[in-house]
All heavy atoms as atom14 arrays in JSON, in Angstrom:
{
  "sequence": "GLVQAGGSLRLSCAASGRTFSSYAMGWFRQAPGKEREFVAAIWR",
  "atom14_mask": [
    [1, 1, 1, 1, 0, 0, 0, 0, 0, 0, 0, 0, 0, 0],
    [1, 1, 1, 1, 1, 1, 1, 1, 0, 0, 0, 0, 0, 0],
    [1, 1, 1, 1, 1, 1, 1, 0, 0, 0, 0, 0, 0, 0],
    [1, 1, 1, 1, 1, 1, 1, 1, 1, 0, 0, 0, 0, 0],
    [1, 1, 1, 1, 1, 0, 0, 0, 0, 0, 0, 0, 0, 0],
    [1, 1, 1, 1, 0, 0, 0, 0, 0, 0, 0, 0, 0, 0],
    [1, 1, 1, 1, 0, 0, 0, 0, 0, 0, 0, 0, 0, 0],
    [1, 1, 1, 1, 1, 1, 0, 0, 0, 0, 0, 0, 0, 0],
    [1, 1, 1, 1, 1, 1, 1, 1, 0, 0, 0, 0, 0, 0],
    [1, 1, 1, 1, 1, 1, 1, 1, 1, 1, 1, 0, 0, 0],
    [1, 1, 1, 1, 1, 1, 1, 1, 0, 0, 0, 0, 0, 0],
    [1, 1, 1, 1, 1, 1, 0, 0, 0, 0, 0, 0, 0, 0],
    [1, 1, 1, 1, 1, 1, 0, 0, 0, 0, 0, 0, 0, 0],
    [1, 1, 1, 1, 1, 0, 0, 0, 0, 0, 0, 0, 0, 0],
    [1, 1, 1, 1, 1, 0, 0, 0, 0, 0, 0, 0, 0, 0],
    [1, 1, 1, 1, 1, 1, 0, 0, 0, 0, 0, 0, 0, 0],
    [1, 1, 1, 1, 0, 0, 0, 0, 0, 0, 0, 0, 0, 0],
    [1, 1, 1, 1, 1, 1, 1, 1, 1, 1, 1, 0, 0, 0],
    [1, 1, 1, 1, 1, 1, 1, 0, 0, 0, 0, 0, 0, 0],
    [1, 1, 1, 1, 1, 1, 1, 1, 1, 1, 1, 0, 0, 0],
    [1, 1, 1, 1, 1, 1, 0, 0, 0, 0, 0, 0, 0, 0],
    [1, 1, 1, 1, 1, 1, 0, 0, 0, 0, 0, 0, 0, 0],
    [1, 1, 1, 1, 1, 1, 1, 1, 1, 1, 1, 1, 0, 0],
    [1, 1, 1, 1, 1, 0, 0, 0, 0, 0, 0, 0, 0, 0],
    [1, 1, 1, 1, 1, 1, 1, 1, 0, 0, 0, 0, 0, 0],
    [1, 1, 1, 1, 0, 0, 0, 0, 0, 0, 0, 0, 0, 0],
    [1, 1, 1, 1, 1, 1, 1, 1, 1, 1, 1, 1, 1, 1],
    [1, 1, 1, 1, 1, 1, 1, 1, 1, 1, 1, 0, 0, 0],
    [1, 1, 1, 1, 1, 1, 1, 1, 1, 1, 1, 0, 0, 0],
    [1, 1, 1, 1, 1, 1, 1, 1, 1, 0, 0, 0, 0, 0],
    [1, 1, 1, 1, 1, 0, 0, 0, 0, 0, 0, 0, 0, 0],
    [1, 1, 1, 1, 1, 1, 1, 0, 0, 0, 0, 0, 0, 0],
    [1, 1, 1, 1, 0, 0, 0, 0, 0, 0, 0, 0, 0, 0],
    [1, 1, 1, 1, 1, 1, 1, 1, 1, 0, 0, 0, 0, 0],
    [1, 1, 1, 1, 1, 1, 1, 1, 1, 0, 0, 0, 0, 0],
    [1, 1, 1, 1, 1, 1, 1, 1, 1, 1, 1, 0, 0, 0],
    [1, 1, 1, 1, 1, 1, 1, 1, 1, 0, 0, 0, 0, 0],
    [1, 1, 1, 1, 1, 1, 1, 1, 1, 1, 1, 0, 0, 0],
    [1, 1, 1, 1, 1, 1, 1, 0, 0, 0, 0, 0, 0, 0],
    [1, 1, 1, 1, 1, 0, 0, 0, 0, 0, 0, 0, 0, 0],
    [1, 1, 1, 1, 1, 0, 0, 0, 0, 0, 0, 0, 0, 0],
    [1, 1, 1, 1, 1, 1, 1, 1, 0, 0, 0, 0, 0, 0],
    [1, 1, 1, 1, 1, 1, 1, 1, 1, 1, 1, 1, 1, 1],
    [1, 1, 1, 1, 1, 1, 1, 1, 1, 1, 1, 0, 0, 0]
  ],
  "atom14_positions": [
    [[10.41, -4.53, -11.41], [11.02, -5.23, -12.51], [11.53, -6.59, -12.11], [11.19, -7.11, -11.04], [0.0, 0.0, 0.0], [0.0, 0.0, 0.0], [0.0, 0.0, 0.0], [0.0, 0.0, 0.0], [0.0, 0.0, 0.0], [0.0, 0.0, 0.0], [0.0, 0.0, 0.0], [0.0, 0.0, 0.0], [0.0, 0.0, 0.0], [0.0, 0.0, 0.0]],
    [[12.35, -7.16, -12.96], [12.95, -8.47, -12.74], [14.38, -8.31, -12.27], [15.16, -7.56, -12.88], [12.9, -9.29, -14.03], [13.56, -10.66, -14.01], [12.83, -11.59, -13.04], [13.58, -11.25, -15.41], [0.0, 0.0, 0.0], [0.0, 0.0, 0.0], [0.0, 0.0, 0.0], [0.0, 0.0, 0.0], [0.0, 0.0, 0.0], [0.0, 0.0, 0.0]],
    [[14.73, -9.0, -11.2], [16.07, -8.92, -10.65], [16.48, -10.29, -10.13], [15.64, -11.08, -9.7], [16.14, -7.85, -9.53], [15.27, -8.25, -8.35], [17.57, -7.61, -9.09], [0.0, 0.0, 0.0], [0.0, 0.0, 0.0], [0.0, 0.0, 0.0], [0.0, 0.0, 0.0], [0.0, 0.0, 0.0], [0.0, 0.0, 0.0], [0.0, 0.0, 0.0]],
    [[17.77, -10.57, -10.18], [18.27, -11.84, -9.66], [18.37, -11.82, -8.15], [18.56, -10.76, -7.54], [19.64, -12.16, -10.26], [19.62, -12.48, -11.74], [20.98, -12.89, -12.26], [22.0, -12.28, -11.91], [21.02, -13.91, -13.09], [0.0, 0.0, 0.0], [0.0, 0.0, 0.0], [0.0, 0.0, 0.0], [0.0, 0.0, 0.0], [0.0, 0.0, 0.0]],
    [[18.25, -12.98, -7.53], [18.41, -13.09, -6.09], [19.76, -12.5, -5.67], [20.78, -12.73, -6.32], [18.29, -14.54, -5.65], [0.0, 0.0, 0.0], [0.0, 0.0, 0.0], [0.0, 0.0, 0.0], [0.0, 0.0, 0.0], [0.0, 0.0, 0.0], [0.0, 0.0, 0.0], [0.0, 0.0, 0.0], [0.0, 0.0, 0.0], [0.0, 0.0, 0.0]],
    [[19.74, -11.74, -4.58], [20.93, -11.08, -4.11], [21.11, -9.68, -4.65], [21.95, -8.92, -4.17], [0.0, 0.0, 0.0], [0.0, 0.0, 0.0], [0.0, 0.0, 0.0], [0.0, 0.0, 0.0], [0.0, 0.0, 0.0], [0.0, 0.0, 0.0], [0.0, 0.0, 0.0], [0.0, 0.0, 0.0], [0.0, 0.0, 0.0], [0.0, 0.0, 0.0]],
    [[20.31, -9.33, -5.64], [20.39, -8.02, -6.26], [19.59, -6.97, -5.52], [19.02, -7.22, -4.47], [0.0, 0.0, 0.0], [0.0, 0.0, 0.0], [0.0, 0.0, 0.0], [0.0, 0.0, 0.0], [0.0, 0.0, 0.0], [0.0, 0.0, 0.0], [0.0, 0.0, 0.0], [0.0, 0.0, 0.0], [0.0, 0.0, 0.0], [0.0, 0.0, 0.0]],
    [[19.55, -5.78, -6.1], [18.87, -4.64, -5.49], [17.9, -3.99, -6.45], [18.04, -4.09, -7.68], [19.89, -3.59, -5.03], [20.77, -4.1, -4.05], [0.0, 0.0, 0.0], [0.0, 0.0, 0.0], [0.0, 0.0, 0.0], [0.0, 0.0, 0.0], [0.0, 0.0, 0.0], [0.0, 0.0, 0.0], [0.0, 0.0, 0.0], [0.0, 0.0, 0.0]],
    [[16.92, -3.33, -5.88], [15.92, -2.61, -6.66], [15.39, -1.48, -5.8], [15.28, -1.62, -4.58], [14.79, -3.56, -7.05], [13.96, -3.26, -8.3], [14.84, -3.23, -9.54], [12.86, -4.3, -8.45], [0.0, 0.0, 0.0], [0.0, 0.0, 0.0], [0.0, 0.0, 0.0], [0.0, 0.0, 0.0], [0.0, 0.0, 0.0], [0.0, 0.0, 0.0]],
    [[15.07, -0.36, -6.42], [14.5, 0.76, -5.69], [13.13, 1.12, -6.26], [13.0, 1.4, -7.45], [15.41, 1.99, -5.74], [14.91, 3.14, -4.87], [15.87, 4.3, -4.88], [15.9, 4.98, -6.16], [16.71, 5.99, -6.47], [17.57, 6.42, -5.55], [16.66, 6.54, -7.65], [0.0, 0.0, 0.0], [0.0, 0.0, 0.0], [0.0, 0.0, 0.0]],
    [[12.14, 1.1, -5.4], [10.8, 1.48, -5.78], [10.54, 2.93, -5.39], [11.06, 3.41, -4.39], [9.76, 0.58, -5.11], [9.91, -0.93, -5.32], [8.76, -1.66, -4.64], [9.98, -1.27, -6.79], [0.0, 0.0, 0.0], [0.0, 0.0, 0.0], [0.0, 0.0, 0.0], [0.0, 0.0, 0.0], [0.0, 0.0, 0.0], [0.0, 0.0, 0.0]],
    [[9.72, 3.6, -6.17], [9.37, 4.97, -5.87], [7.86, 5.13, -5.95], [7.2, 4.46, -6.74], [10.05, 5.92, -6.86], [9.75, 7.27, -6.56], [0.0, 0.0, 0.0], [0.0, 0.0, 0.0], [0.0, 0.0, 0.0], [0.0, 0.0, 0.0], [0.0, 0.0, 0.0], [0.0, 0.0, 0.0], [0.0, 0.0, 0.0], [0.0, 0.0, 0.0]],
    [[7.34, 6.01, -5.12], [5.92, 6.31, -5.12], [5.75, 7.81, -5.18], [6.22, 8.53, -4.29], [5.26, 5.74, -3.87], [3.49, 6.11, -3.71], [0.0, 0.0, 0.0], [0.0, 0.0, 0.0], [0.0, 0.0, 0.0], [0.0, 0.0, 0.0], [0.0, 0.0, 0.0], [0.0, 0.0, 0.0], [0.0, 0.0, 0.0], [0.0, 0.0, 0.0]],
    [[5.1, 8.29, -6.23], [4.85, 9.71, -6.39], [3.42, 10.01, -5.96], [2.49, 9.35, -6.39], [5.07, 10.13, -7.84], [0.0, 0.0, 0.0], [0.0, 0.0, 0.0], [0.0, 0.0, 0.0], [0.0, 0.0, 0.0], [0.0, 0.0, 0.0], [0.0, 0.0, 0.0], [0.0, 0.0, 0.0], [0.0, 0.0, 0.0], [0.0, 0.0, 0.0]],
    [[3.27, 11.02, -5.12], [1.97, 11.38, -4.59], [1.52, 12.74, -5.11], [2.32, 13.67, -5.2], [2.0, 11.41, -3.07], [0.0, 0.0, 0.0], [0.0, 0.0, 0.0], [0.0, 0.0, 0.0], [0.0, 0.0, 0.0], [0.0, 0.0, 0.0], [0.0, 0.0, 0.0], [0.0, 0.0, 0.0], [0.0, 0.0, 0.0], [0.0, 0.0, 0.0]],
    [[0.26, 12.82, -5.46], [-0.34, 14.09, -5.81], [-1.29, 14.48, -4.69], [-2.07, 13.65, -4.21], [-1.08, 14.01, -7.14], [-2.16, 13.1, -7.08], [0.0, 0.0, 0.0], [0.0, 0.0, 0.0], [0.0, 0.0, 0.0], [0.0, 0.0, 0.0], [0.0, 0.0, 0.0], [0.0, 0.0, 0.0], [0.0, 0.0, 0.0], [0.0, 0.0, 0.0]],
    [[-1.21, 15.72, -4.28], [-2.04, 16.18, -3.19], [-1.36, 17.32, -2.46], [-0.13, 17.4, -2.46], [0.0, 0.0, 0.0], [0.0, 0.0, 0.0], [0.0, 0.0, 0.0], [0.0, 0.0, 0.0], [0.0, 0.0, 0.0], [0.0, 0.0, 0.0], [0.0, 0.0, 0.0], [0.0, 0.0, 0.0], [0.0, 0.0, 0.0], [0.0, 0.0, 0.0]],
    [[-2.15, 18.13, -1.83], [-1.61, 19.32, -1.19], [-1.21, 19.1, 0.27], [-0.67, 20.02, 0.88], [-2.61, 20.46, -1.29], [-4.02, 20.1, -0.87], [-4.98, 21.26, -1.14], [-6.36, 20.87, -0.94], [-6.97, 20.87, 0.23], [-6.3, 21.23, 1.32], [-8.24, 20.51, 0.33], [0.0, 0.0, 0.0], [0.0, 0.0, 0.0], [0.0, 0.0, 0.0]],
    [[-1.47, 17.93, 0.8], [-1.17, 17.65, 2.2], [-0.37, 16.36, 2.37], [-0.58, 15.62, 3.32], [-2.45, 17.57, 3.04], [-3.32, 16.57, 2.49], [-3.17, 18.91, 3.07], [0.0, 0.0, 0.0], [0.0, 0.0, 0.0], [0.0, 0.0, 0.0], [0.0, 0.0, 0.0], [0.0, 0.0, 0.0], [0.0, 0.0, 0.0], [0.0, 0.0, 0.0]],
    [[0.56, 16.1, 1.47], [1.35, 14.88, 1.51], [2.05, 14.7, 2.85], [2.09, 13.59, 3.4], [2.37, 14.87, 0.37], [3.3, 13.69, 0.41], [2.86, 12.43, 0.07], [4.63, 13.85, 0.78], [3.71, 11.34, 0.1], [5.5, 12.77, 0.8], [5.03, 11.51, 0.47], [0.0, 0.0, 0.0], [0.0, 0.0, 0.0], [0.0, 0.0, 0.0]],
    [[2.61, 15.77, 3.37], [3.38, 15.68, 4.6], [2.53, 15.33, 5.82], [3.08, 14.98, 6.87], [4.13, 16.99, 4.87], [3.23, 18.06, 5.04], [0.0, 0.0, 0.0], [0.0, 0.0, 0.0], [0.0, 0.0, 0.0], [0.0, 0.0, 0.0], [0.0, 0.0, 0.0], [0.0, 0.0, 0.0], [0.0, 0.0, 0.0], [0.0, 0.0, 0.0]],
    [[1.23, 15.4, 5.7], [0.35, 15.07, 6.82], [0.04, 13.58, 6.89], [-0.62, 13.14, 7.83], [-0.95, 15.86, 6.73], [-1.74, 15.44, 5.63], [0.0, 0.0, 0.0], [0.0, 0.0, 0.0], [0.0, 0.0, 0.0], [0.0, 0.0, 0.0], [0.0, 0.0, 0.0], [0.0, 0.0, 0.0], [0.0, 0.0, 0.0], [0.0, 0.0, 0.0]],
    [[0.51, 12.81, 5.92], [0.23, 11.37, 5.87], [1.45, 10.54, 6.23], [2.56, 10.81, 5.76], [-0.23, 10.97, 4.47], [-1.59, 11.49, 4.09], [-1.73, 12.73, 3.49], [-2.72, 10.73, 4.34], [-2.98, 13.21, 3.15], [-3.97, 11.21, 4.0], [-4.1, 12.44, 3.4], [-5.35, 12.91, 3.05], [0.0, 0.0, 0.0], [0.0, 0.0, 0.0]],
    [[1.23, 9.55, 7.06], [2.22, 8.49, 7.2], [2.14, 7.64, 5.94], [1.06, 7.47, 5.36], [1.94, 7.64, 8.43], [0.0, 0.0, 0.0], [0.0, 0.0, 0.0], [0.0, 0.0, 0.0], [0.0, 0.0, 0.0], [0.0, 0.0, 0.0], [0.0, 0.0, 0.0], [0.0, 0.0, 0.0], [0.0, 0.0, 0.0], [0.0, 0.0, 0.0]],
    [[3.27, 7.11, 5.5], [3.3, 6.33, 4.26], [3.77, 4.91, 4.55], [4.63, 4.69, 5.4], [4.22, 6.98, 3.24], [3.79, 8.38, 2.82], [2.2, 8.39, 1.93], [2.61, 7.41, 0.49], [0.0, 0.0, 0.0], [0.0, 0.0, 0.0], [0.0, 0.0, 0.0], [0.0, 0.0, 0.0], [0.0, 0.0, 0.0], [0.0, 0.0, 0.0]],
    [[3.21, 3.97, 3.81], [3.6, 2.59, 3.99], [3.76, 1.87, 2.68], [3.24, 2.3, 1.64], [0.0, 0.0, 0.0], [0.0, 0.0, 0.0], [0.0, 0.0, 0.0], [0.0, 0.0, 0.0], [0.0, 0.0, 0.0], [0.0, 0.0, 0.0], [0.0, 0.0, 0.0], [0.0, 0.0, 0.0], [0.0, 0.0, 0.0], [0.0, 0.0, 0.0]],
    [[4.51, 0.78, 2.72], [4.64, -0.14, 1.6], [4.08, -1.49, 2.02], [4.39, -1.99, 3.11], [6.08, -0.3, 1.16], [6.64, 0.85, 0.39], [7.36, 1.89, 0.87], [6.52, 1.07, -1.03], [7.71, 2.75, -0.15], [7.2, 2.27, -1.32], [5.91, 0.37, -2.07], [7.29, 2.78, -2.61], [5.98, 0.88, -3.35], [6.67, 2.06, -3.62]],
    [[3.28, -2.07, 1.16], [2.73, -3.41, 1.34], [3.05, -4.23, 0.11], [3.36, -3.68, -0.95], [1.22, -3.36, 1.56], [0.81, -2.75, 2.88], [0.83, -1.39, 3.07], [0.38, -3.57, 3.92], [0.45, -0.82, 4.27], [0.0, -3.02, 5.13], [0.03, -1.65, 5.3], [0.0, 0.0, 0.0], [0.0, 0.0, 0.0], [0.0, 0.0, 0.0]],
    [[2.94, -5.54, 0.23], [3.14, -6.4, -0.93], [2.15, -7.55, -0.89], [1.66, -7.94, 0.16], [4.57, -6.91, -1.0], [4.97, -7.85, 0.13], [6.46, -8.16, 0.06], [6.87, -9.1, 1.08], [8.13, -9.45, 1.33], [9.11, -8.91, 0.61], [8.41, -10.32, 2.29], [0.0, 0.0, 0.0], [0.0, 0.0, 0.0], [0.0, 0.0, 0.0]],
    [[1.88, -8.09, -2.07], [0.96, -9.21, -2.18], [1.41, -10.15, -3.29], [1.54, -9.74, -4.44], [-0.46, -8.72, -2.45], [-1.49, -9.82, -2.42], [-2.91, -9.29, -2.44], [-3.17, -8.21, -2.98], [-3.82, -10.02, -1.85], [0.0, 0.0, 0.0], [0.0, 0.0, 0.0], [0.0, 0.0, 0.0], [0.0, 0.0, 0.0], [0.0, 0.0, 0.0]],
    [[1.64, -11.39, -2.92], [1.98, -12.42, -3.87], [0.72, -13.2, -4.24], [-0.24, -13.24, -3.46], [3.03, -13.37, -3.28], [0.0, 0.0, 0.0], [0.0, 0.0, 0.0], [0.0, 0.0, 0.0], [0.0, 0.0, 0.0], [0.0, 0.0, 0.0], [0.0, 0.0, 0.0], [0.0, 0.0, 0.0], [0.0, 0.0, 0.0], [0.0, 0.0, 0.0]],
    [[0.68, -13.82, -5.42], [-0.5, -14.58, -5.82], [-0.88, -15.64, -4.79], [-0.03, -16.39, -4.31], [-0.06, -15.23, -7.14], [0.96, -14.3, -7.68], [1.71, -13.82, -6.47], [0.0, 0.0, 0.0], [0.0, 0.0, 0.0], [0.0, 0.0, 0.0], [0.0, 0.0, 0.0], [0.0, 0.0, 0.0], [0.0, 0.0, 0.0], [0.0, 0.0, 0.0]],
    [[-2.15, -15.67, -4.43], [-2.64, -16.65, -3.48], [-2.36, -16.32, -2.03], [-2.71, -17.11, -1.14], [0.0, 0.0, 0.0], [0.0, 0.0, 0.0], [0.0, 0.0, 0.0], [0.0, 0.0, 0.0], [0.0, 0.0, 0.0], [0.0, 0.0, 0.0], [0.0, 0.0, 0.0], [0.0, 0.0, 0.0], [0.0, 0.0, 0.0], [0.0, 0.0, 0.0]],
    [[-1.74, -15.19, -1.77], [-1.42, -14.8, -0.4], [-2.1, -13.48, -0.03], [-2.5, -12.71, -0.9], [0.09, -14.67, -0.22], [0.86, -15.97, -0.36], [2.33, -15.78, -0.03], [3.1, -17.08, -0.1], [4.53, -16.9, 0.25], [0.0, 0.0, 0.0], [0.0, 0.0, 0.0], [0.0, 0.0, 0.0], [0.0, 0.0, 0.0], [0.0, 0.0, 0.0]],
    [[-2.23, -13.26, 1.27], [-2.79, -12.01, 1.76], [-1.79, -10.88, 1.6], [-0.58, -11.1, 1.58], [-3.18, -12.15, 3.23], [-4.3, -13.15, 3.49], [-5.61, -12.71, 2.91], [-5.95, -11.51, 3.04], [-6.31, -13.54, 2.33], [0.0, 0.0, 0.0], [0.0, 0.0, 0.0], [0.0, 0.0, 0.0], [0.0, 0.0, 0.0], [0.0, 0.0, 0.0]],
    [[-2.31, -9.68, 1.48], [-1.44, -8.52, 1.43], [-0.74, -8.37, 2.77], [-1.37, -8.47, 3.83], [-2.27, -7.27, 1.11], [-1.44, -6.01, 0.94], [-2.25, -4.94, 0.25], [-3.48, -4.64, 0.95], [-4.46, -3.9, 0.44], [-4.36, -3.4, -0.78], [-5.55, -3.67, 1.16], [0.0, 0.0, 0.0], [0.0, 0.0, 0.0], [0.0, 0.0, 0.0]],
    [[0.56, -8.14, 2.74], [1.33, -8.04, 3.97], [2.1, -6.74, 4.06], [2.53, -6.17, 3.05], [2.28, -9.23, 4.12], [3.39, -9.29, 3.08], [4.39, -10.39, 3.35], [4.5, -10.85, 4.51], [5.07, -10.81, 2.39], [0.0, 0.0, 0.0], [0.0, 0.0, 0.0], [0.0, 0.0, 0.0], [0.0, 0.0, 0.0], [0.0, 0.0, 0.0]],
    [[2.3, -6.31, 5.28], [3.03, -5.09, 5.56], [4.51, -5.27, 5.29], [5.09, -6.32, 5.57], [2.81, -4.69, 7.02], [3.7, -3.59, 7.5], [3.46, -2.28, 7.15], [4.78, -3.88, 8.31], [4.28, -1.26, 7.6], [5.61, -2.87, 8.77], [5.35, -1.56, 8.4], [0.0, 0.0, 0.0], [0.0, 0.0, 0.0], [0.0, 0.0, 0.0]],
    [[5.13, -4.23, 4.74], [6.56, -4.24, 4.47], [7.29, -3.19, 5.31], [8.21, -3.5, 6.06], [6.86, -4.0, 2.98], [8.37, -3.91, 2.74], [6.25, -5.11, 2.14], [0.0, 0.0, 0.0], [0.0, 0.0, 0.0], [0.0, 0.0, 0.0], [0.0, 0.0, 0.0], [0.0, 0.0, 0.0], [0.0, 0.0, 0.0], [0.0, 0.0, 0.0]],
    [[6.88, -1.93, 5.18], [7.55, -0.85, 5.88], [6.66, 0.37, 5.96], [5.75, 0.54, 5.14], [8.87, -0.49, 5.18], [0.0, 0.0, 0.0], [0.0, 0.0, 0.0], [0.0, 0.0, 0.0], [0.0, 0.0, 0.0], [0.0, 0.0, 0.0], [0.0, 0.0, 0.0], [0.0, 0.0, 0.0], [0.0, 0.0, 0.0], [0.0, 0.0, 0.0]],
    [[6.92, 1.23, 6.93], [6.16, 2.47, 7.07], [7.07, 3.58, 7.56], [8.11, 3.32, 8.19], [4.99, 2.29, 8.04], [0.0, 0.0, 0.0], [0.0, 0.0, 0.0], [0.0, 0.0, 0.0], [0.0, 0.0, 0.0], [0.0, 0.0, 0.0], [0.0, 0.0, 0.0], [0.0, 0.0, 0.0], [0.0, 0.0, 0.0], [0.0, 0.0, 0.0]],
    [[6.68, 4.81, 7.27], [7.46, 5.97, 7.68], [6.52, 7.07, 8.13], [5.48, 7.31, 7.53], [8.39, 6.44, 6.52], [9.34, 7.54, 6.99], [7.57, 6.89, 5.31], [10.48, 7.81, 6.01], [0.0, 0.0, 0.0], [0.0, 0.0, 0.0], [0.0, 0.0, 0.0], [0.0, 0.0, 0.0], [0.0, 0.0, 0.0], [0.0, 0.0, 0.0]],
    [[6.91, 7.73, 9.22], [6.09, 8.77, 9.79], [6.03, 10.01, 8.91], [6.84, 10.16, 7.98], [6.6, 9.12, 11.2], [5.77, 10.1, 11.97], [6.16, 11.29, 12.51], [4.37, 9.97, 12.28], [5.11, 11.9, 13.13], [4.01, 11.12, 13.02], [3.41, 9.0, 12.02], [2.71, 11.31, 13.48], [2.11, 9.19, 12.48], [1.79, 10.35, 13.21]],
    [[5.09, 10.89, 9.2], [4.86, 12.07, 8.37], [6.11, 12.89, 8.11], [6.37, 13.3, 6.97], [3.79, 12.95, 9.02], [2.41, 12.31, 9.07], [1.43, 13.19, 9.81], [1.75, 13.3, 11.22], [1.07, 14.02, 12.09], [0.02, 14.73, 11.69], [1.44, 14.06, 13.36], [0.0, 0.0, 0.0], [0.0, 0.0, 0.0], [0.0, 0.0, 0.0]]
  ]
}
């Protein structure tokens, strides 16, 4: 969504699948005209 500088936001990702816990998960972001970049990752 839209938020002012200095503010907070929480993103959520819901996964469907029977082996979710077997996957490491990551967040990436991409701004217009820029390459997709890594943000954060978490182990299984």
